[in-house]
Amino acid sequence: MEAFGGFVMDEQVENVFLEFLKSFRVDANKPELYYEAEIEAIRGGESTMMYIDFSHVMGFNDALQKECV
């Protein structure tokens, strides 16, 4: 487990969350990744904050949802 922002995060949960951020699409038929622009803004130093719609997390993975609450 790793300390992250004051929280202890299980490596498996971290990996699932990263997969969520890198692959989530609102519409599975469209190629646009929902969180891609925010990830790039953080990488580029333009931002240090990312807003996550929890309903997206809930629909992506039940185990991840349970770990986040």
N, C-alpha and C. Protein backbone atom coordinates (compact mmCIF):
# COMPACT_ATOMS: atom_id res chain seq x y z
N MET A 1 0.84 -1.19 0.00
CA MET A 1 0.00 0.00 0.00
C MET A 1 0.88 1.24 0.00
N GLU A 2 0.36 2.27 -0.59
CA GLU A 2 1.13 3.49 -0.74
C GLU A 2 0.34 4.66 -0.17
N ALA A 3 1.04 5.55 0.55
CA ALA A 3 0.39 6.76 1.05
C ALA A 3 0.25 7.73 -0.11
N PHE A 4 -0.94 8.26 -0.30
CA PHE A 4 -1.20 9.15 -1.42
C PHE A 4 -2.12 10.26 -0.95
N GLY A 5 -1.57 11.45 -0.82
CA GLY A 5 -2.39 12.59 -0.41
C GLY A 5 -3.04 12.41 0.94
N GLY A 6 -2.37 11.73 1.86
CA GLY A 6 -2.93 11.50 3.18
C GLY A 6 -3.77 10.24 3.28
N PHE A 7 -3.94 9.54 2.16
CA PHE A 7 -4.72 8.31 2.14
C PHE A 7 -3.78 7.14 1.86
N VAL A 8 -4.15 5.98 2.34
CA VAL A 8 -3.42 4.77 2.00
C VAL A 8 -4.20 4.10 0.88
N MET A 9 -3.52 3.88 -0.24
CA MET A 9 -4.20 3.35 -1.42
C MET A 9 -3.62 1.99 -1.77
N ASP A 10 -4.48 1.02 -1.86
CA ASP A 10 -4.11 -0.31 -2.30
C ASP A 10 -3.66 -0.24 -3.76
N GLU A 11 -2.61 -0.95 -4.10
CA GLU A 11 -2.07 -0.89 -5.46
C GLU A 11 -3.09 -1.33 -6.50
N GLN A 12 -3.88 -2.33 -6.18
CA GLN A 12 -4.90 -2.81 -7.12
C GLN A 12 -5.95 -1.73 -7.38
N VAL A 13 -6.37 -1.05 -6.32
CA VAL A 13 -7.35 0.03 -6.46
C VAL A 13 -6.75 1.16 -7.29
N GLU A 14 -5.51 1.48 -7.02
CA GLU A 14 -4.82 2.52 -7.79
C GLU A 14 -4.80 2.17 -9.27
N ASN A 15 -4.48 0.93 -9.59
CA ASN A 15 -4.42 0.50 -10.99
C ASN A 15 -5.78 0.57 -11.67
N VAL A 16 -6.82 0.16 -10.96
CA VAL A 16 -8.17 0.21 -11.53
C VAL A 16 -8.59 1.67 -11.75
N PHE A 17 -8.26 2.54 -10.79
CA PHE A 17 -8.60 3.95 -10.94
C PHE A 17 -7.86 4.59 -12.12
N LEU A 18 -6.59 4.27 -12.27
CA LEU A 18 -5.83 4.79 -13.42
C LEU A 18 -6.41 4.27 -14.73
N GLU A 19 -6.82 3.02 -14.75
CA GLU A 19 -7.45 2.46 -15.95
C GLU A 19 -8.75 3.21 -16.25
N PHE A 20 -9.51 3.51 -15.20
CA PHE A 20 -10.74 4.29 -15.36
C PHE A 20 -10.43 5.65 -16.01
N LEU A 21 -9.45 6.37 -15.46
CA LEU A 21 -9.12 7.69 -15.99
C LEU A 21 -8.65 7.64 -17.44
N LYS A 22 -7.91 6.60 -17.77
CA LYS A 22 -7.33 6.50 -19.11
C LYS A 22 -8.30 5.95 -20.16
N SER A 23 -9.40 5.33 -19.72
CA SER A 23 -10.25 4.66 -20.71
C SER A 23 -11.73 5.03 -20.68
N PHE A 24 -12.16 5.83 -19.69
CA PHE A 24 -13.59 6.10 -19.56
C PHE A 24 -14.12 6.92 -20.73
N ARG A 25 -15.24 6.46 -21.27
CA ARG A 25 -15.97 7.16 -22.32
C ARG A 25 -17.43 7.28 -21.88
N VAL A 26 -18.02 8.43 -22.10
CA VAL A 26 -19.44 8.60 -21.78
C VAL A 26 -20.26 7.75 -22.74
N ASP A 27 -19.84 7.74 -24.00
CA ASP A 27 -20.51 6.95 -25.03
C ASP A 27 -19.50 5.97 -25.60
N ALA A 28 -19.73 4.70 -25.38
CA ALA A 28 -18.79 3.66 -25.83
C ALA A 28 -18.61 3.65 -27.35
N ASN A 29 -19.54 4.26 -28.07
CA ASN A 29 -19.46 4.29 -29.53
C ASN A 29 -18.64 5.47 -30.06
N LYS A 30 -18.21 6.35 -29.17
CA LYS A 30 -17.41 7.51 -29.58
C LYS A 30 -15.99 7.35 -29.07
N PRO A 31 -15.01 7.81 -29.83
CA PRO A 31 -13.61 7.60 -29.45
C PRO A 31 -13.09 8.55 -28.36
N GLU A 32 -13.82 9.61 -28.05
CA GLU A 32 -13.31 10.60 -27.10
C GLU A 32 -13.22 10.03 -25.69
N LEU A 33 -12.05 10.18 -25.10
CA LEU A 33 -11.85 9.78 -23.70
C LEU A 33 -12.26 10.96 -22.82
N TYR A 34 -13.13 10.72 -21.88
CA TYR A 34 -13.75 11.79 -21.10
C TYR A 34 -12.74 12.58 -20.27
N TYR A 35 -11.79 11.92 -19.64
CA TYR A 35 -10.86 12.61 -18.73
C TYR A 35 -9.51 12.93 -19.37
N GLU A 36 -9.35 12.67 -20.64
CA GLU A 36 -8.06 12.86 -21.32
C GLU A 36 -7.56 14.31 -21.24
N ALA A 37 -8.41 15.27 -21.49
CA ALA A 37 -7.99 16.68 -21.48
C ALA A 37 -7.53 17.10 -20.08
N GLU A 38 -8.22 16.62 -19.06
CA GLU A 38 -7.82 16.97 -17.69
C GLU A 38 -6.49 16.33 -17.32
N ILE A 39 -6.28 15.10 -17.76
CA ILE A 39 -5.00 14.43 -17.51
C ILE A 39 -3.87 15.20 -18.17
N GLU A 40 -4.07 15.63 -19.39
CA GLU A 40 -3.04 16.37 -20.12
C GLU A 40 -2.77 17.72 -19.46
N ALA A 41 -3.79 18.38 -18.93
CA ALA A 41 -3.60 19.66 -18.25
C ALA A 41 -2.74 19.49 -17.00
N ILE A 42 -2.94 18.39 -16.29
CA ILE A 42 -2.13 18.12 -15.10
C ILE A 42 -0.70 17.80 -15.51
N ARG A 43 -0.55 16.97 -16.52
CA ARG A 43 0.80 16.63 -17.01
C ARG A 43 1.56 17.87 -17.45
N GLY A 44 0.86 18.78 -18.10
CA GLY A 44 1.49 19.99 -18.62
C GLY A 44 1.70 21.07 -17.57
N GLY A 45 1.29 20.81 -16.35
CA GLY A 45 1.47 21.79 -15.28
C GLY A 45 0.45 22.90 -15.28
N GLU A 46 -0.58 22.79 -16.11
CA GLU A 46 -1.61 23.82 -16.19
C GLU A 46 -2.61 23.72 -15.04
N SER A 47 -2.66 22.56 -14.41
CA SER A 47 -3.63 22.33 -13.35
C SER A 47 -3.07 21.33 -12.35
N THR A 48 -3.60 21.39 -11.15
CA THR A 48 -3.23 20.40 -10.13
C THR A 48 -4.48 19.71 -9.59
N MET A 49 -5.62 19.99 -10.21
CA MET A 49 -6.88 19.45 -9.72
C MET A 49 -7.65 18.79 -10.86
N MET A 50 -8.35 17.72 -10.50
CA MET A 50 -9.18 17.03 -11.47
C MET A 50 -10.52 16.73 -10.82
N TYR A 51 -11.58 17.05 -11.53
CA TYR A 51 -12.92 16.74 -11.05
C TYR A 51 -13.36 15.41 -11.65
N ILE A 52 -13.84 14.53 -10.78
CA ILE A 52 -14.30 13.21 -11.20
C ILE A 52 -15.79 13.11 -10.91
N ASP A 53 -16.55 12.73 -11.90
CA ASP A 53 -17.98 12.50 -11.72
C ASP A 53 -18.14 11.11 -11.10
N PHE A 54 -18.60 11.06 -9.86
CA PHE A 54 -18.68 9.78 -9.16
C PHE A 54 -19.63 8.81 -9.84
N SER A 55 -20.62 9.32 -10.55
CA SER A 55 -21.51 8.40 -11.27
C SER A 55 -20.74 7.65 -12.36
N HIS A 56 -19.69 8.27 -12.90
CA HIS A 56 -18.84 7.57 -13.87
C HIS A 56 -18.09 6.42 -13.19
N VAL A 57 -17.57 6.69 -12.00
CA VAL A 57 -16.85 5.65 -11.24
C VAL A 57 -17.81 4.51 -10.91
N MET A 58 -19.01 4.85 -10.48
CA MET A 58 -19.99 3.82 -10.12
C MET A 58 -20.32 2.91 -11.30
N GLY A 59 -20.40 3.49 -12.47
CA GLY A 59 -20.73 2.69 -13.65
C GLY A 59 -19.55 1.92 -14.21
N PHE A 60 -18.34 2.32 -13.84
CA PHE A 60 -17.14 1.70 -14.39
C PHE A 60 -16.77 0.41 -13.67
N ASN A 61 -16.80 0.44 -12.33
CA ASN A 61 -16.30 -0.71 -11.58
C ASN A 61 -16.88 -0.69 -10.17
N ASP A 62 -17.62 -1.73 -9.80
CA ASP A 62 -18.24 -1.79 -8.48
C ASP A 62 -17.22 -1.80 -7.35
N ALA A 63 -16.14 -2.54 -7.52
CA ALA A 63 -15.12 -2.62 -6.47
C ALA A 63 -14.47 -1.25 -6.25
N LEU A 64 -14.21 -0.54 -7.32
CA LEU A 64 -13.62 0.79 -7.21
C LEU A 64 -14.59 1.73 -6.51
N GLN A 65 -15.85 1.64 -6.84
CA GLN A 65 -16.87 2.46 -6.19
C GLN A 65 -16.84 2.25 -4.68
N LYS A 66 -16.79 1.01 -4.26
CA LYS A 66 -16.80 0.70 -2.82
C LYS A 66 -15.56 1.21 -2.12
N GLU A 67 -14.42 1.19 -2.79
CA GLU A 67 -13.18 1.67 -2.20
C GLU A 67 -13.15 3.18 -2.08
N CYS A 68 -13.91 3.87 -2.91
CA CYS A 68 -13.89 5.34 -2.93
C CYS A 68 -14.78 5.97 -1.87
N VAL A 69 -15.69 5.21 -1.32
CA VAL A 69 -16.60 5.80 -0.32
C VAL A 69 -16.15 5.51 1.08
